[in-house]
Amino acid sequence: MICSIITAAGKGTRLKSDISKQFIKIYGKPILAHTINSFENCPAIDAIFVVVPKDYADFCRDEIINKYKFSKVQKIVAGGQTRQQSVYNALKLLPEKCSLVSVHDGVRPLISSLEISNLIESLLKFNKEDDKIKGIITAAPAYETVKRINSDSSIDCTIDRSHICMAQTPQIFFCDTLLEAYKSAMEQGYCGTDDASLVERLGWKIKVAIAHQENIKITTPMDLFLAELIMHRNGKHR
């Protein structure tokens, strides 16, 4: 069984909206609904767990899950104070028979069902070749020149950008490995910046699938504008 956790418990304010960014509409449909739709239509995904702020649970159920008839959504999970706590809340609710779990940002609506399937297939292939590989993430290449700076904002060095990528989601792992990584991090008070960082600290290998720049996380008004343009070009505005 393959499950997906979609995190939408943030309350970002950079979009300067009266409603949390995951519920802002693009072409008449909430961003979160666009995101869930990609996982709903992915044949490899069996169940979806959506994490939202506790006070948005009823709204999410009525205006997104029920309205758009997302049959794979098994549970709406109350988020925590941090993204890490929110994912952990959902992880603890996954069924025992779950073998793989995908974690994805609810405000990355431009991921496709095919890309999700390809990531899952790639992880299983890599794990057969090397059983120390326990996860795979999608990432965008770094196109700009990368500088490491000192505390006084002077340049320390220029980093070879061919070795740099910008981590995105989905991030897919063997479920038992990710749960172990989260338990360890929570017990030791470690806070990672993404799911992969928690698995990395346990010594497991994680593969990177270089993706495209369009899998953006909608955080600012410019991101929202770009997402609308990309959806229009791809015909998803209809």
C-alpha atoms as a PDB file:
ATOM      1  CA  MET A   1       0.000   0.000   0.000  1.00  0.00           C
ATOM      2  CA  ILE A   2       1.301   3.433  -0.938  1.00  0.00           C
ATOM      3  CA  CYS A   3       0.069   6.477   0.966  1.00  0.00           C
ATOM      4  CA  SER A   4       0.505  10.185   0.476  1.00  0.00           C
ATOM      5  CA  ILE A   5       0.676  12.881   3.125  1.00  0.00           C
ATOM      6  CA  ILE A   6      -0.199  16.338   1.795  1.00  0.00           C
ATOM      7  CA  THR A   7       0.844  19.083   4.177  1.00  0.00           C
ATOM      8  CA  ALA A   8      -1.375  22.148   4.183  1.00  0.00           C
ATOM      9  CA  ALA A   9      -1.231  23.261   7.810  1.00  0.00           C
ATOM     10  CA  GLY A  10       0.740  26.451   7.234  1.00  0.00           C
ATOM     11  CA  LYS A  11      -0.660  29.913   7.754  1.00  0.00           C
ATOM     12  CA  GLY A  12       1.615  31.855   5.434  1.00  0.00           C
ATOM     13  CA  THR A  13       1.081  35.597   5.319  1.00  0.00           C
ATOM     14  CA  ARG A  14       3.332  36.585   2.411  1.00  0.00           C
ATOM     15  CA  LEU A  15       0.429  36.385  -0.028  1.00  0.00           C
ATOM     16  CA  LYS A  16      -1.335  39.079   2.037  1.00  0.00           C
ATOM     17  CA  SER A  17      -4.649  37.241   1.893  1.00  0.00           C
ATOM     18  CA  ASP A  18      -7.426  36.903   4.473  1.00  0.00           C
ATOM     19  CA  ILE A  19      -7.434  33.150   3.909  1.00  0.00           C
ATOM     20  CA  SER A  20      -4.572  30.666   4.280  1.00  0.00           C
ATOM     21  CA  LYS A  21      -2.674  30.356   1.003  1.00  0.00           C
ATOM     22  CA  GLN A  22      -3.594  26.691   0.418  1.00  0.00           C
ATOM     23  CA  PHE A  23      -7.248  27.694   0.151  1.00  0.00           C
ATOM     24  CA  ILE A  24      -6.762  30.595  -2.278  1.00  0.00           C
ATOM     25  CA  LYS A  25      -8.419  29.807  -5.583  1.00  0.00           C
ATOM     26  CA  ILE A  26      -6.751  29.468  -8.973  1.00  0.00           C
ATOM     27  CA  TYR A  27      -9.266  29.275 -11.825  1.00  0.00           C
ATOM     28  CA  GLY A  28     -12.104  28.769  -9.352  1.00  0.00           C
ATOM     29  CA  LYS A  29     -10.525  25.899  -7.428  1.00  0.00           C
ATOM     30  CA  PRO A  30      -8.478  26.066  -4.183  1.00  0.00           C
ATOM     31  CA  ILE A  31      -4.744  25.501  -4.593  1.00  0.00           C
ATOM     32  CA  LEU A  32      -5.004  22.517  -2.248  1.00  0.00           C
ATOM     33  CA  ALA A  33      -7.683  20.943  -4.465  1.00  0.00           C
ATOM     34  CA  HIS A  34      -5.408  21.215  -7.498  1.00  0.00           C
ATOM     35  CA  THR A  35      -2.664  19.491  -5.508  1.00  0.00           C
ATOM     36  CA  ILE A  36      -4.847  16.681  -4.181  1.00  0.00           C
ATOM     37  CA  ASN A  37      -6.171  16.080  -7.680  1.00  0.00           C
ATOM     38  CA  SER A  38      -2.709  15.025  -8.916  1.00  0.00           C
ATOM     39  CA  PHE A  39      -2.447  12.363  -6.208  1.00  0.00           C
ATOM     40  CA  GLU A  40      -6.087  11.315  -6.574  1.00  0.00           C
ATOM     41  CA  ASN A  41      -5.456  10.620 -10.261  1.00  0.00           C
ATOM     42  CA  CYS A  42      -2.172   8.789  -9.704  1.00  0.00           C
ATOM     43  CA  PRO A  43      -2.840   5.015  -9.990  1.00  0.00           C
ATOM     44  CA  ALA A  44       0.089   4.212  -7.698  1.00  0.00           C
ATOM     45  CA  ILE A  45      -1.386   6.132  -4.741  1.00  0.00           C
ATOM     46  CA  ASP A  46      -3.849   4.174  -2.603  1.00  0.00           C
ATOM     47  CA  ALA A  47      -4.659   6.610   0.210  1.00  0.00           C
ATOM     48  CA  ILE A  48      -4.228  10.292   0.941  1.00  0.00           C
ATOM     49  CA  PHE A  49      -3.922  12.003   4.334  1.00  0.00           C
ATOM     50  CA  VAL A  50      -4.371  15.772   4.256  1.00  0.00           C
ATOM     51  CA  VAL A  51      -2.925  17.886   7.071  1.00  0.00           C
ATOM     52  CA  VAL A  52      -4.609  21.254   7.686  1.00  0.00           C
ATOM     53  CA  PRO A  53      -4.919  23.720  10.571  1.00  0.00           C
ATOM     54  CA  LYS A  54      -7.370  22.367  13.144  1.00  0.00           C
ATOM     55  CA  ASP A  55      -9.806  25.248  12.612  1.00  0.00           C
ATOM     56  CA  TYR A  56      -9.910  24.540   8.855  1.00  0.00           C
ATOM     57  CA  ALA A  57     -10.785  20.840   9.117  1.00  0.00           C
ATOM     58  CA  ASP A  58     -14.519  21.279   8.482  1.00  0.00           C
ATOM     59  CA  PHE A  59     -13.914  23.765   5.670  1.00  0.00           C
ATOM     60  CA  CYS A  60     -11.463  21.368   4.011  1.00  0.00           C
ATOM     61  CA  ARG A  61     -13.879  18.452   4.315  1.00  0.00           C
ATOM     62  CA  ASP A  62     -16.898  20.350   2.970  1.00  0.00           C
ATOM     63  CA  GLU A  63     -15.347  22.697   0.404  1.00  0.00           C
ATOM     64  CA  ILE A  64     -12.561  20.493  -0.954  1.00  0.00           C
ATOM     65  CA  ILE A  65     -12.768  16.772  -0.153  1.00  0.00           C
ATOM     66  CA  ASN A  66     -16.533  16.365  -0.500  1.00  0.00           C
ATOM     67  CA  LYS A  67     -17.054  19.065  -3.116  1.00  0.00           C
ATOM     68  CA  TYR A  68     -14.511  17.586  -5.525  1.00  0.00           C
ATOM     69  CA  LYS A  69     -15.262  13.967  -4.577  1.00  0.00           C
ATOM     70  CA  PHE A  70     -11.721  12.971  -3.625  1.00  0.00           C
ATOM     71  CA  SER A  71     -12.325   9.317  -2.800  1.00  0.00           C
ATOM     72  CA  LYS A  72      -8.726   8.497  -1.866  1.00  0.00           C
ATOM     73  CA  VAL A  73      -8.605  10.959   1.033  1.00  0.00           C
ATOM     74  CA  GLN A  74      -8.801   8.767   4.123  1.00  0.00           C
ATOM     75  CA  LYS A  75      -8.400  11.360   6.833  1.00  0.00           C
ATOM     76  CA  ILE A  76      -8.038  15.061   7.498  1.00  0.00           C
ATOM     77  CA  VAL A  77      -5.307  15.462  10.107  1.00  0.00           C
ATOM     78  CA  ALA A  78      -4.871  18.416  12.472  1.00  0.00           C
ATOM     79  CA  GLY A  79      -1.531  20.118  11.956  1.00  0.00           C
ATOM     80  CA  GLY A  80       1.014  20.896  14.641  1.00  0.00           C
ATOM     81  CA  GLN A  81       3.047  23.974  15.503  1.00  0.00           C
ATOM     82  CA  THR A  82       5.668  23.108  12.869  1.00  0.00           C
ATOM     83  CA  ARG A  83       5.680  21.291   9.542  1.00  0.00           C
ATOM     84  CA  GLN A  84       7.689  18.507  11.155  1.00  0.00           C
ATOM     85  CA  GLN A  85       5.064  18.022  13.863  1.00  0.00           C
ATOM     86  CA  SER A  86       2.308  18.125  11.253  1.00  0.00           C
ATOM     87  CA  VAL A  87       3.892  15.374   9.145  1.00  0.00           C
ATOM     88  CA  TYR A  88       4.534  13.300  12.274  1.00  0.00           C
ATOM     89  CA  ASN A  89       0.862  13.627  13.262  1.00  0.00           C
ATOM     90  CA  ALA A  90      -0.108  12.090   9.919  1.00  0.00           C
ATOM     91  CA  LEU A  91       2.641   9.452   9.904  1.00  0.00           C
ATOM     92  CA  LYS A  92       1.336   8.015  13.167  1.00  0.00           C
ATOM     93  CA  LEU A  93      -2.072   7.474  11.560  1.00  0.00           C
ATOM     94  CA  LEU A  94      -0.916   5.559   8.483  1.00  0.00           C
ATOM     95  CA  PRO A  95      -2.108   1.937   8.271  1.00  0.00           C
ATOM     96  CA  GLU A  96       0.396  -0.791   9.170  1.00  0.00           C
ATOM     97  CA  LYS A  97       0.259  -2.182   5.640  1.00  0.00           C
ATOM     98  CA  CYS A  98       1.603   1.093   4.199  1.00  0.00           C
ATOM     99  CA  SER A  99       4.960   0.303   2.571  1.00  0.00           C
ATOM    100  CA  LEU A 100       5.796   3.611   0.876  1.00  0.00           C
ATOM    101  CA  VAL A 101       4.793   7.129   1.822  1.00  0.00           C
ATOM    102  CA  SER A 102       4.973  10.306  -0.212  1.00  0.00           C
ATOM    103  CA  VAL A 103       5.120  13.682   1.530  1.00  0.00           C
ATOM    104  CA  HIS A 104       4.128  16.696  -0.550  1.00  0.00           C
ATOM    105  CA  ASP A 105       3.518  20.400   0.029  1.00  0.00           C
ATOM    106  CA  GLY A 106      -0.129  21.299  -0.415  1.00  0.00           C
ATOM    107  CA  VAL A 107       0.882  24.527  -2.137  1.00  0.00           C
ATOM    108  CA  ARG A 108       2.809  22.797  -4.938  1.00  0.00           C
ATOM    109  CA  PRO A 109      -0.149  22.229  -7.281  1.00  0.00           C
ATOM    110  CA  LEU A 110       1.844  21.799 -10.498  1.00  0.00           C
ATOM    111  CA  ILE A 111       3.166  18.294  -9.852  1.00  0.00           C
ATOM    112  CA  SER A 112       1.705  15.734 -12.258  1.00  0.00           C
ATOM    113  CA  SER A 113       0.350  12.249 -11.607  1.00  0.00           C
ATOM    114  CA  LEU A 114       2.915  10.841 -14.035  1.00  0.00           C
ATOM    115  CA  GLU A 115       5.795  12.457 -12.160  1.00  0.00           C
ATOM    116  CA  ILE A 116       4.552  10.919  -8.912  1.00  0.00           C
ATOM    117  CA  SER A 117       4.345   7.463 -10.489  1.00  0.00           C
ATOM    118  CA  ASN A 118       7.811   7.796 -11.986  1.00  0.00           C
ATOM    119  CA  LEU A 119       9.313   8.717  -8.610  1.00  0.00           C
ATOM    120  CA  ILE A 120       7.738   5.672  -6.965  1.00  0.00           C
ATOM    121  CA  GLU A 121       8.977   3.352  -9.710  1.00  0.00           C
ATOM    122  CA  SER A 122      12.461   4.865  -9.507  1.00  0.00           C
ATOM    123  CA  LEU A 123      12.686   4.407  -5.738  1.00  0.00           C
ATOM    124  CA  LEU A 124      11.722   0.735  -5.975  1.00  0.00           C
ATOM    125  CA  LYS A 125      14.265   0.223  -8.757  1.00  0.00           C
ATOM    126  CA  PHE A 126      17.081   1.947  -6.858  1.00  0.00           C
ATOM    127  CA  ASN A 127      16.289   0.025  -3.662  1.00  0.00           C
ATOM    128  CA  LYS A 128      16.547  -3.288  -5.510  1.00  0.00           C
ATOM    129  CA  GLU A 129      20.010  -2.280  -6.673  1.00  0.00           C
ATOM    130  CA  ASP A 130      21.078  -0.959  -3.259  1.00  0.00           C
ATOM    131  CA  ASP A 131      18.991  -1.693  -0.171  1.00  0.00           C
ATOM    132  CA  LYS A 132      20.545   1.284   1.647  1.00  0.00           C
ATOM    133  CA  ILE A 133      18.567   3.615  -0.605  1.00  0.00           C
ATOM    134  CA  LYS A 134      15.423   4.399   1.360  1.00  0.00           C
ATOM    135  CA  GLY A 135      14.062   7.490  -0.313  1.00  0.00           C
ATOM    136  CA  ILE A 136      13.894   9.697  -3.367  1.00  0.00           C
ATOM    137  CA  ILE A 137      13.155  13.400  -3.698  1.00  0.00           C
ATOM    138  CA  THR A 138      12.468  15.675  -6.601  1.00  0.00           C
ATOM    139  CA  ALA A 139      14.666  18.750  -6.944  1.00  0.00           C
ATOM    140  CA  ALA A 140      15.315  21.595  -9.334  1.00  0.00           C
ATOM    141  CA  PRO A 141      18.771  22.370 -10.717  1.00  0.00           C
ATOM    142  CA  ALA A 142      20.510  25.543  -9.576  1.00  0.00           C
ATOM    143  CA  TYR A 143      20.726  27.885 -12.568  1.00  0.00           C
ATOM    144  CA  GLU A 144      22.122  30.914 -10.784  1.00  0.00           C
ATOM    145  CA  THR A 145      25.708  31.270  -9.567  1.00  0.00           C
ATOM    146  CA  VAL A 146      25.822  30.124  -5.937  1.00  0.00           C
ATOM    147  CA  LYS A 147      27.832  32.091  -3.374  1.00  0.00           C
ATOM    148  CA  ARG A 148      28.595  31.156   0.208  1.00  0.00           C
ATOM    149  CA  ILE A 149      28.800  34.271   2.357  1.00  0.00           C
ATOM    150  CA  ASN A 150      30.285  35.179   5.720  1.00  0.00           C
ATOM    151  CA  SER A 151      28.449  36.734   8.653  1.00  0.00           C
ATOM    152  CA  ASP A 152      29.340  40.210   7.358  1.00  0.00           C
ATOM    153  CA  SER A 153      27.746  39.428   3.952  1.00  0.00           C
ATOM    154  CA  SER A 154      31.095  39.222   2.170  1.00  0.00           C
ATOM    155  CA  ILE A 155      31.642  36.320  -0.237  1.00  0.00           C
ATOM    156  CA  ASP A 156      33.482  33.359   1.230  1.00  0.00           C
ATOM    157  CA  CYS A 157      33.570  31.313  -1.968  1.00  0.00           C
ATOM    158  CA  THR A 158      31.735  30.427  -5.171  1.00  0.00           C
ATOM    159  CA  ILE A 159      30.168  26.966  -5.088  1.00  0.00           C
ATOM    160  CA  ASP A 160      30.129  24.736  -8.148  1.00  0.00           C
ATOM    161  CA  ARG A 161      26.431  24.831  -9.034  1.00  0.00           C
ATOM    162  CA  SER A 162      26.661  21.496 -10.881  1.00  0.00           C
ATOM    163  CA  HIS A 163      26.666  19.935  -7.402  1.00  0.00           C
ATOM    164  CA  ILE A 164      23.765  22.035  -6.116  1.00  0.00           C
ATOM    165  CA  CYS A 165      20.035  21.416  -6.396  1.00  0.00           C
ATOM    166  CA  MET A 166      16.977  22.958  -4.765  1.00  0.00           C
ATOM    167  CA  ALA A 167      14.935  20.359  -2.909  1.00  0.00           C
ATOM    168  CA  GLN A 168      11.241  20.140  -3.726  1.00  0.00           C
ATOM    169  CA  THR A 169       8.448  17.694  -2.974  1.00  0.00           C
ATOM    170  CA  PRO A 170       7.200  15.000  -3.412  1.00  0.00           C
ATOM    171  CA  GLN A 171       9.699  13.205  -1.208  1.00  0.00           C
ATOM    172  CA  ILE A 172       9.023   9.477  -1.108  1.00  0.00           C
ATOM    173  CA  PHE A 173      10.337   6.968   1.433  1.00  0.00           C
ATOM    174  CA  PHE A 174       9.856   3.496   2.775  1.00  0.00           C
ATOM    175  CA  CYS A 175       7.276   4.090   5.464  1.00  0.00           C
ATOM    176  CA  ASP A 176       9.063   2.315   8.320  1.00  0.00           C
ATOM    177  CA  THR A 177      12.255   4.261   7.606  1.00  0.00           C
ATOM    178  CA  LEU A 178      10.543   7.646   7.588  1.00  0.00           C
ATOM    179  CA  LEU A 179       8.629   6.848  10.772  1.00  0.00           C
ATOM    180  CA  GLU A 180      11.861   5.795  12.491  1.00  0.00           C
ATOM    181  CA  ALA A 181      13.537   9.007  11.314  1.00  0.00           C
ATOM    182  CA  TYR A 182      10.711  11.154  12.643  1.00  0.00           C
ATOM    183  CA  LYS A 183      10.623   9.364  15.991  1.00  0.00           C
ATOM    184  CA  SER A 184      14.359   9.849  16.388  1.00  0.00           C
ATOM    185  CA  ALA A 185      14.195  13.525  15.455  1.00  0.00           C
ATOM    186  CA  MET A 186      11.275  14.250  17.783  1.00  0.00           C
ATOM    187  CA  GLU A 187      12.887  12.407  20.716  1.00  0.00           C
ATOM    188  CA  GLN A 188      16.196  14.211  20.224  1.00  0.00           C
ATOM    189  CA  GLY A 189      14.715  17.631  19.552  1.00  0.00           C
ATOM    190  CA  TYR A 190      16.164  17.805  16.056  1.00  0.00           C
ATOM    191  CA  CYS A 191      14.357  20.034  13.551  1.00  0.00           C
ATOM    192  CA  GLY A 192      15.050  19.363   9.891  1.00  0.00           C
ATOM    193  CA  THR A 193      14.220  21.602   6.968  1.00  0.00           C
ATOM    194  CA  ASP A 194      12.661  18.758   4.978  1.00  0.00           C
ATOM    195  CA  ASP A 195      11.761  15.081   5.362  1.00  0.00           C
ATOM    196  CA  ALA A 196      14.903  13.859   3.629  1.00  0.00           C
ATOM    197  CA  SER A 197      17.145  15.589   6.172  1.00  0.00           C
ATOM    198  CA  LEU A 198      15.646  13.443   8.935  1.00  0.00           C
ATOM    199  CA  VAL A 199      16.351  10.243   7.019  1.00  0.00           C
ATOM    200  CA  GLU A 200      19.840  11.429   6.044  1.00  0.00           C
ATOM    201  CA  ARG A 201      20.884  11.791   9.695  1.00  0.00           C
ATOM    202  CA  LEU A 202      20.172   8.085  10.253  1.00  0.00           C
ATOM    203  CA  GLY A 203      22.727   7.212   7.590  1.00  0.00           C
ATOM    204  CA  TRP A 204      20.425   6.048   4.803  1.00  0.00           C
ATOM    205  CA  LYS A 205      20.925   6.973   1.148  1.00  0.00           C
ATOM    206  CA  ILE A 206      18.452   9.145  -0.727  1.00  0.00           C
ATOM    207  CA  LYS A 207      18.334   9.601  -4.475  1.00  0.00           C
ATOM    208  CA  VAL A 208      17.541  12.882  -6.226  1.00  0.00           C
ATOM    209  CA  ALA A 209      15.411  13.108  -9.357  1.00  0.00           C
ATOM    210  CA  ILE A 210      16.217  16.367 -11.103  1.00  0.00           C
ATOM    211  CA  ALA A 211      12.899  17.890 -12.083  1.00  0.00           C
ATOM    212  CA  HIS A 212      11.791  21.135 -13.674  1.00  0.00           C
ATOM    213  CA  GLN A 213      11.569  24.631 -12.206  1.00  0.00           C
ATOM    214  CA  GLU A 214       7.797  24.733 -12.682  1.00  0.00           C
ATOM    215  CA  ASN A 215       7.070  22.591  -9.612  1.00  0.00           C
ATOM    216  CA  ILE A 216       6.936  25.799  -7.602  1.00  0.00           C
ATOM    217  CA  LYS A 217       5.795  26.265  -4.032  1.00  0.00           C
ATOM    218  CA  ILE A 218       3.242  29.066  -3.942  1.00  0.00           C
ATOM    219  CA  THR A 219       4.438  31.461  -1.271  1.00  0.00           C
ATOM    220  CA  THR A 220       4.371  34.961  -2.757  1.00  0.00           C
ATOM    221  CA  PRO A 221       2.051  36.874  -5.106  1.00  0.00           C
ATOM    222  CA  MET A 222       4.594  36.300  -7.889  1.00  0.00           C
ATOM    223  CA  ASP A 223       4.379  32.526  -7.330  1.00  0.00           C
ATOM    224  CA  LEU A 224       0.598  32.715  -7.601  1.00  0.00           C
ATOM    225  CA  PHE A 225       0.866  34.672 -10.843  1.00  0.00           C
ATOM    226  CA  LEU A 226       3.342  32.157 -12.318  1.00  0.00           C
ATOM    227  CA  ALA A 227       1.173  29.198 -11.285  1.00  0.00           C
ATOM    228  CA  GLU A 228      -1.814  30.719 -13.065  1.00  0.00           C
ATOM    229  CA  LEU A 229       0.244  31.229 -16.233  1.00  0.00           C
ATOM    230  CA  ILE A 230       1.587  27.660 -16.170  1.00  0.00           C
ATOM    231  CA  MET A 231      -1.855  26.164 -15.553  1.00  0.00           C
ATOM    232  CA  HIS A 232      -3.288  28.201 -18.423  1.00  0.00           C
ATOM    233  CA  ARG A 233      -0.536  27.065 -20.765  1.00  0.00           C
ATOM    234  CA  ASN A 234      -1.085  23.428 -19.741  1.00  0.00           C
ATOM    235  CA  GLY A 235      -4.828  23.660 -20.201  1.00  0.00           C
ATOM    236  CA  LYS A 236      -5.611  23.113 -16.516  1.00  0.00           C
ATOM    237  CA  HIS A 237      -7.662  26.298 -16.302  1.00  0.00           C
ATOM    238  CA  ARG A 238     -10.620  24.680 -18.018  1.00  0.00           C
END
